[in-house]
Amino acid sequence: MGLHPVVRSSISDQVIAQMKENIETGSWEPGQRLPGEMQLCEIFGTSRVTVRNALQKLAGEGLIETRVGDGSYVRKFSLCDAMSRMNIPGSLTDREFRELLEFRRVMEGPLCELAVSRMTAADLERLSECYDTMCAAQQDEESFAAADVSFHTTLASCCGNQILEAAYQMICANLSRVMKDIVRQRGKASGLKYHREILAAAKAHDAKGARDAMERHMREMEEEL
């Protein structure tokens, strides 16, 4: 995104909004040095006071850090920082949504394989119940979406690894917020198909087959959304 002069209404808010968008879309990458104050004044056509207020606001929100005598930099986020930002009430940004899908594509397949390889009879029964709930909730998007998330959290709980389970619970806090929209956009047939394949592989103790089905599911979903 290119920066451009702002119109003369709510000048400070417009400056902040443009700078935020550059950070959230990745136009300004983590660790990158921002243009200097005078350069920002020229770009926006605003006073130095307005630019400084914007920088202070962004620093207060944890988006940038100012180094005395050196300038302002886009803050590098840890996993906890990123998840904390995503847990703020409201819609995820497009970038956060895409990163969530990408994270799932990388994580879900291996997690599913490990879960199936360690799954007990009781675990398999719980997973079957999640799938049955999805089938029974096809007329209710919200209930269907909740059952979809439960299917995945159940798999995570079957791994016997507290760190993996905790990491998955973090993304599910955000996934629950967007799953209804995903179901609305993609429909229910694809989700039922892949969850049925995963469940069948689990019943056959085919950990690799379960992983393959999950990875196809995640890849297709990321490509379509």
C-alpha atoms as a PDB file:
ATOM      1  CA  MET A   1       0.000   0.000   0.000  1.00  0.00           C
ATOM      2  CA  GLY A   2       1.278   3.501  -0.803  1.00  0.00           C
ATOM      3  CA  LEU A   3       0.859   6.371   1.622  1.00  0.00           C
ATOM      4  CA  HIS A   4      -0.910   9.504   0.403  1.00  0.00           C
ATOM      5  CA  PRO A   5      -1.946  12.947   1.698  1.00  0.00           C
ATOM      6  CA  VAL A   6      -5.021  12.953   3.923  1.00  0.00           C
ATOM      7  CA  VAL A   7      -8.157  15.039   3.599  1.00  0.00           C
ATOM      8  CA  ARG A   8      -8.762  17.719   6.205  1.00  0.00           C
ATOM      9  CA  SER A   9     -11.214  15.888   8.436  1.00  0.00           C
ATOM     10  CA  SER A  10     -10.205  13.693  11.358  1.00  0.00           C
ATOM     11  CA  ILE A  11      -6.601  14.160  10.238  1.00  0.00           C
ATOM     12  CA  SER A  12      -5.030  12.345  13.166  1.00  0.00           C
ATOM     13  CA  ASP A  13      -7.355   9.331  12.805  1.00  0.00           C
ATOM     14  CA  GLN A  14      -6.617   9.102   9.090  1.00  0.00           C
ATOM     15  CA  VAL A  15      -2.885   9.167   9.652  1.00  0.00           C
ATOM     16  CA  ILE A  16      -3.167   6.428  12.278  1.00  0.00           C
ATOM     17  CA  ALA A  17      -5.462   4.355  10.036  1.00  0.00           C
ATOM     18  CA  GLN A  18      -3.049   4.512   7.087  1.00  0.00           C
ATOM     19  CA  MET A  19      -0.052   3.610   9.206  1.00  0.00           C
ATOM     20  CA  LYS A  20      -1.956   0.771  10.868  1.00  0.00           C
ATOM     21  CA  GLU A  21      -2.960  -0.607   7.486  1.00  0.00           C
ATOM     22  CA  ASN A  22       0.659  -0.602   6.327  1.00  0.00           C
ATOM     23  CA  ILE A  23       1.615  -2.610   9.421  1.00  0.00           C
ATOM     24  CA  GLU A  24      -1.326  -5.028   9.343  1.00  0.00           C
ATOM     25  CA  THR A  25      -1.032  -5.798   5.632  1.00  0.00           C
ATOM     26  CA  GLY A  26       2.729  -6.308   5.870  1.00  0.00           C
ATOM     27  CA  SER A  27       3.668  -3.324   3.703  1.00  0.00           C
ATOM     28  CA  TRP A  28       5.782  -2.356   6.701  1.00  0.00           C
ATOM     29  CA  GLU A  29       7.295  -5.608   7.936  1.00  0.00           C
ATOM     30  CA  PRO A  30       8.232  -6.506  11.544  1.00  0.00           C
ATOM     31  CA  GLY A  31      11.554  -4.912  12.400  1.00  0.00           C
ATOM     32  CA  GLN A  32      11.368  -2.380   9.551  1.00  0.00           C
ATOM     33  CA  ARG A  33      12.245   1.237  10.299  1.00  0.00           C
ATOM     34  CA  LEU A  34       9.406   3.691   9.638  1.00  0.00           C
ATOM     35  CA  PRO A  35      10.015   6.876   7.621  1.00  0.00           C
ATOM     36  CA  GLY A  36      11.273   9.727   9.798  1.00  0.00           C
ATOM     37  CA  GLU A  37       8.914  12.318  11.280  1.00  0.00           C
ATOM     38  CA  MET A  38       9.684  14.996   8.705  1.00  0.00           C
ATOM     39  CA  GLN A  39       9.256  12.524   5.846  1.00  0.00           C
ATOM     40  CA  LEU A  40       5.902  11.415   7.253  1.00  0.00           C
ATOM     41  CA  CYS A  41       4.841  15.053   7.533  1.00  0.00           C
ATOM     42  CA  GLU A  42       5.606  15.533   3.849  1.00  0.00           C
ATOM     43  CA  ILE A  43       3.833  12.303   2.816  1.00  0.00           C
ATOM     44  CA  PHE A  44       0.667  13.051   4.776  1.00  0.00           C
ATOM     45  CA  GLY A  45       0.725  16.829   4.371  1.00  0.00           C
ATOM     46  CA  THR A  46       0.266  17.270   8.118  1.00  0.00           C
ATOM     47  CA  SER A  47       2.020  18.916  11.022  1.00  0.00           C
ATOM     48  CA  ARG A  48       4.777  17.307  13.079  1.00  0.00           C
ATOM     49  CA  VAL A  49       2.445  17.311  16.101  1.00  0.00           C
ATOM     50  CA  THR A  50      -0.070  15.140  14.224  1.00  0.00           C
ATOM     51  CA  VAL A  51       2.622  12.687  13.179  1.00  0.00           C
ATOM     52  CA  ARG A  52       4.043  12.477  16.695  1.00  0.00           C
ATOM     53  CA  ASN A  53       0.583  11.855  18.137  1.00  0.00           C
ATOM     54  CA  ALA A  54       0.067   9.047  15.629  1.00  0.00           C
ATOM     55  CA  LEU A  55       3.418   7.470  16.516  1.00  0.00           C
ATOM     56  CA  GLN A  56       2.597   7.694  20.226  1.00  0.00           C
ATOM     57  CA  LYS A  57      -0.789   6.068  19.616  1.00  0.00           C
ATOM     58  CA  LEU A  58       0.745   3.199  17.637  1.00  0.00           C
ATOM     59  CA  ALA A  59       3.416   2.716  20.286  1.00  0.00           C
ATOM     60  CA  GLY A  60       0.728   2.663  22.971  1.00  0.00           C
ATOM     61  CA  GLU A  61      -1.062  -0.111  21.081  1.00  0.00           C
ATOM     62  CA  GLY A  62       2.171  -2.099  20.888  1.00  0.00           C
ATOM     63  CA  LEU A  63       2.418  -1.910  17.098  1.00  0.00           C
ATOM     64  CA  ILE A  64       5.687   0.016  16.958  1.00  0.00           C
ATOM     65  CA  GLU A  65       8.611   0.776  19.234  1.00  0.00           C
ATOM     66  CA  THR A  66      10.522   4.043  19.315  1.00  0.00           C
ATOM     67  CA  ARG A  67      14.266   3.972  19.878  1.00  0.00           C
ATOM     68  CA  VAL A  68      15.678   7.250  21.168  1.00  0.00           C
ATOM     69  CA  GLY A  69      17.964   8.839  18.593  1.00  0.00           C
ATOM     70  CA  ASP A  70      17.238   6.105  16.049  1.00  0.00           C
ATOM     71  CA  GLY A  71      13.572   6.315  15.034  1.00  0.00           C
ATOM     72  CA  SER A  72      10.473   4.114  15.131  1.00  0.00           C
ATOM     73  CA  TYR A  73      10.303   0.468  14.095  1.00  0.00           C
ATOM     74  CA  VAL A  74       7.488  -1.998  13.478  1.00  0.00           C
ATOM     75  CA  ARG A  75       7.450  -4.229  16.514  1.00  0.00           C
ATOM     76  CA  LYS A  76       8.389  -7.892  16.137  1.00  0.00           C
ATOM     77  CA  PHE A  77       5.706 -10.047  17.723  1.00  0.00           C
ATOM     78  CA  SER A  78       6.089 -13.249  19.672  1.00  0.00           C
ATOM     79  CA  LEU A  79       3.435 -15.956  19.350  1.00  0.00           C
ATOM     80  CA  CYS A  80       1.836 -14.773  22.597  1.00  0.00           C
ATOM     81  CA  ASP A  81       1.761 -11.178  21.331  1.00  0.00           C
ATOM     82  CA  ALA A  82       0.145 -12.220  18.060  1.00  0.00           C
ATOM     83  CA  MET A  83      -2.484 -14.382  19.727  1.00  0.00           C
ATOM     84  CA  SER A  84      -3.242 -11.699  22.323  1.00  0.00           C
ATOM     85  CA  ARG A  85      -3.876  -9.175  19.543  1.00  0.00           C
ATOM     86  CA  MET A  86      -6.123 -11.637  17.730  1.00  0.00           C
ATOM     87  CA  ASN A  87      -8.085 -12.272  20.913  1.00  0.00           C
ATOM     88  CA  ILE A  88      -9.204  -8.629  21.063  1.00  0.00           C
ATOM     89  CA  PRO A  89     -13.000  -8.528  20.488  1.00  0.00           C
ATOM     90  CA  GLY A  90     -14.032  -7.700  16.930  1.00  0.00           C
ATOM     91  CA  SER A  91     -13.350  -9.059  13.481  1.00  0.00           C
ATOM     92  CA  LEU A  92      -9.953 -10.371  12.490  1.00  0.00           C
ATOM     93  CA  THR A  93      -8.088  -8.351   9.895  1.00  0.00           C
ATOM     94  CA  ASP A  94      -7.659  -9.979   6.477  1.00  0.00           C
ATOM     95  CA  ARG A  95      -4.015 -10.621   7.297  1.00  0.00           C
ATOM     96  CA  GLU A  96      -4.846 -12.246  10.645  1.00  0.00           C
ATOM     97  CA  PHE A  97      -7.467 -14.423   8.981  1.00  0.00           C
ATOM     98  CA  ARG A  98      -5.028 -15.567   6.280  1.00  0.00           C
ATOM     99  CA  GLU A  99      -2.316 -16.241   8.839  1.00  0.00           C
ATOM    100  CA  LEU A 100      -4.769 -18.285  10.900  1.00  0.00           C
ATOM    101  CA  LEU A 101      -5.602 -20.417   7.851  1.00  0.00           C
ATOM    102  CA  GLU A 102      -1.909 -20.807   7.035  1.00  0.00           C
ATOM    103  CA  PHE A 103      -1.120 -21.805  10.613  1.00  0.00           C
ATOM    104  CA  ARG A 104      -3.841 -24.457  10.466  1.00  0.00           C
ATOM    105  CA  ARG A 105      -2.583 -25.783   7.126  1.00  0.00           C
ATOM    106  CA  VAL A 106       0.886 -26.266   8.616  1.00  0.00           C
ATOM    107  CA  MET A 107      -0.265 -27.630  11.978  1.00  0.00           C
ATOM    108  CA  GLU A 108      -3.441 -29.659  11.461  1.00  0.00           C
ATOM    109  CA  GLY A 109      -2.053 -32.547   9.366  1.00  0.00           C
ATOM    110  CA  PRO A 110       0.781 -33.620  11.692  1.00  0.00           C
ATOM    111  CA  LEU A 111      -1.465 -33.054  14.724  1.00  0.00           C
ATOM    112  CA  CYS A 112      -4.152 -35.279  13.207  1.00  0.00           C
ATOM    113  CA  GLU A 113      -1.636 -38.029  12.430  1.00  0.00           C
ATOM    114  CA  LEU A 114      -0.277 -37.977  15.988  1.00  0.00           C
ATOM    115  CA  ALA A 115      -3.789 -37.939  17.462  1.00  0.00           C
ATOM    116  CA  VAL A 116      -4.930 -40.987  15.470  1.00  0.00           C
ATOM    117  CA  SER A 117      -1.746 -42.899  16.289  1.00  0.00           C
ATOM    118  CA  ARG A 118      -2.449 -42.412  20.026  1.00  0.00           C
ATOM    119  CA  MET A 119      -6.239 -42.533  19.994  1.00  0.00           C
ATOM    120  CA  THR A 120      -8.031 -44.727  22.519  1.00  0.00           C
ATOM    121  CA  ALA A 121     -11.445 -46.336  22.072  1.00  0.00           C
ATOM    122  CA  ALA A 122     -12.922 -43.605  24.260  1.00  0.00           C
ATOM    123  CA  ASP A 123     -11.236 -40.911  22.143  1.00  0.00           C
ATOM    124  CA  LEU A 124     -12.646 -42.464  18.992  1.00  0.00           C
ATOM    125  CA  GLU A 125     -16.116 -42.457  20.516  1.00  0.00           C
ATOM    126  CA  ARG A 126     -15.794 -38.742  21.339  1.00  0.00           C
ATOM    127  CA  LEU A 127     -14.670 -37.980  17.784  1.00  0.00           C
ATOM    128  CA  SER A 128     -17.599 -39.972  16.382  1.00  0.00           C
ATOM    129  CA  GLU A 129     -20.001 -37.975  18.544  1.00  0.00           C
ATOM    130  CA  CYS A 130     -18.561 -34.710  17.174  1.00  0.00           C
ATOM    131  CA  TYR A 131     -19.129 -35.910  13.616  1.00  0.00           C
ATOM    132  CA  ASP A 132     -22.660 -37.075  14.434  1.00  0.00           C
ATOM    133  CA  THR A 133     -23.392 -33.637  15.912  1.00  0.00           C
ATOM    134  CA  MET A 134     -22.179 -31.997  12.690  1.00  0.00           C
ATOM    135  CA  CYS A 135     -24.497 -34.242  10.652  1.00  0.00           C
ATOM    136  CA  ALA A 136     -27.452 -33.423  12.896  1.00  0.00           C
ATOM    137  CA  ALA A 137     -26.785 -29.665  12.792  1.00  0.00           C
ATOM    138  CA  GLN A 138     -26.831 -29.118   9.033  1.00  0.00           C
ATOM    139  CA  GLN A 139     -29.804 -26.770   9.241  1.00  0.00           C
ATOM    140  CA  ASP A 140     -28.125 -24.537  11.849  1.00  0.00           C
ATOM    141  CA  GLU A 141     -24.919 -22.792  10.764  1.00  0.00           C
ATOM    142  CA  GLU A 142     -23.917 -21.776  14.277  1.00  0.00           C
ATOM    143  CA  SER A 143     -24.363 -25.272  15.741  1.00  0.00           C
ATOM    144  CA  PHE A 144     -22.653 -26.848  12.748  1.00  0.00           C
ATOM    145  CA  ALA A 145     -19.680 -24.471  13.080  1.00  0.00           C
ATOM    146  CA  ALA A 146     -19.396 -25.195  16.812  1.00  0.00           C
ATOM    147  CA  ALA A 147     -19.432 -28.956  16.163  1.00  0.00           C
ATOM    148  CA  ASP A 148     -16.763 -28.499  13.471  1.00  0.00           C
ATOM    149  CA  VAL A 149     -14.482 -26.731  15.949  1.00  0.00           C
ATOM    150  CA  SER A 150     -15.191 -29.414  18.568  1.00  0.00           C
ATOM    151  CA  PHE A 151     -14.075 -32.108  16.108  1.00  0.00           C
ATOM    152  CA  HIS A 152     -10.677 -30.419  15.780  1.00  0.00           C
ATOM    153  CA  THR A 153     -10.237 -29.663  19.476  1.00  0.00           C
ATOM    154  CA  THR A 154     -11.073 -33.295  20.240  1.00  0.00           C
ATOM    155  CA  LEU A 155      -8.318 -34.413  17.880  1.00  0.00           C
ATOM    156  CA  ALA A 156      -5.886 -32.057  19.630  1.00  0.00           C
ATOM    157  CA  SER A 157      -6.844 -33.493  23.018  1.00  0.00           C
ATOM    158  CA  CYS A 158      -6.072 -37.018  21.751  1.00  0.00           C
ATOM    159  CA  CYS A 159      -2.390 -36.210  21.156  1.00  0.00           C
ATOM    160  CA  GLY A 160      -1.417 -36.592  24.791  1.00  0.00           C
ATOM    161  CA  ASN A 161       0.770 -33.500  24.434  1.00  0.00           C
ATOM    162  CA  GLN A 162      -0.190 -30.565  26.647  1.00  0.00           C
ATOM    163  CA  ILE A 163       1.831 -28.026  24.642  1.00  0.00           C
ATOM    164  CA  LEU A 164       0.200 -28.997  21.346  1.00  0.00           C
ATOM    165  CA  GLU A 165      -3.225 -28.970  22.940  1.00  0.00           C
ATOM    166  CA  ALA A 166      -2.640 -25.531  24.482  1.00  0.00           C
ATOM    167  CA  ALA A 167      -1.381 -24.127  21.165  1.00  0.00           C
ATOM    168  CA  TYR A 168      -4.442 -25.456  19.388  1.00  0.00           C
ATOM    169  CA  GLN A 169      -6.763 -24.060  22.031  1.00  0.00           C
ATOM    170  CA  MET A 170      -5.237 -20.627  21.350  1.00  0.00           C
ATOM    171  CA  ILE A 171      -6.095 -20.734  17.666  1.00  0.00           C
ATOM    172  CA  CYS A 172      -9.527 -22.198  18.355  1.00  0.00           C
ATOM    173  CA  ALA A 173     -10.434 -19.174  20.438  1.00  0.00           C
ATOM    174  CA  ASN A 174     -10.140 -17.239  17.186  1.00  0.00           C
ATOM    175  CA  LEU A 175     -11.305 -20.017  14.891  1.00  0.00           C
ATOM    176  CA  SER A 176     -14.647 -20.156  16.696  1.00  0.00           C
ATOM    177  CA  ARG A 177     -15.193 -16.496  15.806  1.00  0.00           C
ATOM    178  CA  VAL A 178     -14.806 -17.061  12.074  1.00  0.00           C
ATOM    179  CA  MET A 179     -15.993 -20.653  11.557  1.00  0.00           C
ATOM    180  CA  LYS A 180     -19.598 -19.586  11.013  1.00  0.00           C
ATOM    181  CA  ASP A 181     -18.479 -17.303   8.173  1.00  0.00           C
ATOM    182  CA  ILE A 182     -16.372 -20.132   6.723  1.00  0.00           C
ATOM    183  CA  VAL A 183     -19.376 -22.462   6.792  1.00  0.00           C
ATOM    184  CA  ARG A 184     -21.553 -19.790   5.173  1.00  0.00           C
ATOM    185  CA  GLN A 185     -19.055 -19.238   2.354  1.00  0.00           C
ATOM    186  CA  ARG A 186     -18.096 -22.867   1.675  1.00  0.00           C
ATOM    187  CA  GLY A 187     -21.249 -24.702   2.673  1.00  0.00           C
ATOM    188  CA  LYS A 188     -21.347 -27.870   4.758  1.00  0.00           C
ATOM    189  CA  ALA A 189     -20.758 -30.628   2.193  1.00  0.00           C
ATOM    190  CA  SER A 190     -16.970 -30.227   1.999  1.00  0.00           C
ATOM    191  CA  GLY A 191     -16.544 -30.169   5.767  1.00  0.00           C
ATOM    192  CA  LEU A 192     -18.687 -33.267   6.202  1.00  0.00           C
ATOM    193  CA  LYS A 193     -16.794 -35.084   3.457  1.00  0.00           C
ATOM    194  CA  TYR A 194     -13.352 -34.513   4.923  1.00  0.00           C
ATOM    195  CA  HIS A 195     -14.405 -35.072   8.523  1.00  0.00           C
ATOM    196  CA  ARG A 196     -16.024 -38.357   7.438  1.00  0.00           C
ATOM    197  CA  GLU A 197     -12.758 -39.404   5.754  1.00  0.00           C
ATOM    198  CA  ILE A 198     -10.724 -38.467   8.825  1.00  0.00           C
ATOM    199  CA  LEU A 199     -13.079 -40.383  11.107  1.00  0.00           C
ATOM    200  CA  ALA A 200     -12.971 -43.442   8.830  1.00  0.00           C
ATOM    201  CA  ALA A 201      -9.163 -43.359   8.849  1.00  0.00           C
ATOM    202  CA  ALA A 202      -9.187 -43.072  12.641  1.00  0.00           C
ATOM    203  CA  LYS A 203     -11.469 -46.100  12.936  1.00  0.00           C
ATOM    204  CA  ALA A 204      -9.066 -48.015  10.680  1.00  0.00           C
ATOM    205  CA  HIS A 205      -6.084 -46.881  12.815  1.00  0.00           C
ATOM    206  CA  ASP A 206      -4.665 -45.282   9.658  1.00  0.00           C
ATOM    207  CA  ALA A 207      -2.787 -42.285  11.021  1.00  0.00           C
ATOM    208  CA  LYS A 208      -1.188 -41.443   7.663  1.00  0.00           C
ATOM    209  CA  GLY A 209      -4.543 -41.610   5.888  1.00  0.00           C
ATOM    210  CA  ALA A 210      -6.079 -39.301   8.484  1.00  0.00           C
ATOM    211  CA  ARG A 211      -3.246 -36.820   7.974  1.00  0.00           C
ATOM    212  CA  ASP A 212      -3.656 -36.909   4.193  1.00  0.00           C
ATOM    213  CA  ALA A 213      -7.398 -36.209   4.474  1.00  0.00           C
ATOM    214  CA  MET A 214      -6.817 -33.361   6.914  1.00  0.00           C
ATOM    215  CA  GLU A 215      -4.148 -31.755   4.748  1.00  0.00           C
ATOM    216  CA  ARG A 216      -6.371 -31.931   1.675  1.00  0.00           C
ATOM    217  CA  HIS A 217      -9.157 -30.363   3.735  1.00  0.00           C
ATOM    218  CA  MET A 218      -6.942 -27.490   4.944  1.00  0.00           C
ATOM    219  CA  ARG A 219      -5.403 -26.891   1.518  1.00  0.00           C
ATOM    220  CA  GLU A 220      -8.763 -26.772  -0.227  1.00  0.00           C
ATOM    221  CA  MET A 221     -10.227 -24.446   2.379  1.00  0.00           C
ATOM    222  CA  GLU A 222      -7.285 -22.025   2.155  1.00  0.00           C
ATOM    223  CA  GLU A 223      -7.499 -21.964  -1.641  1.00  0.00           C
ATOM    224  CA  GLU A 224     -11.238 -21.264  -1.680  1.00  0.00           C
ATOM    225  CA  LEU A 225     -11.376 -18.513   0.958  1.00  0.00           C
END
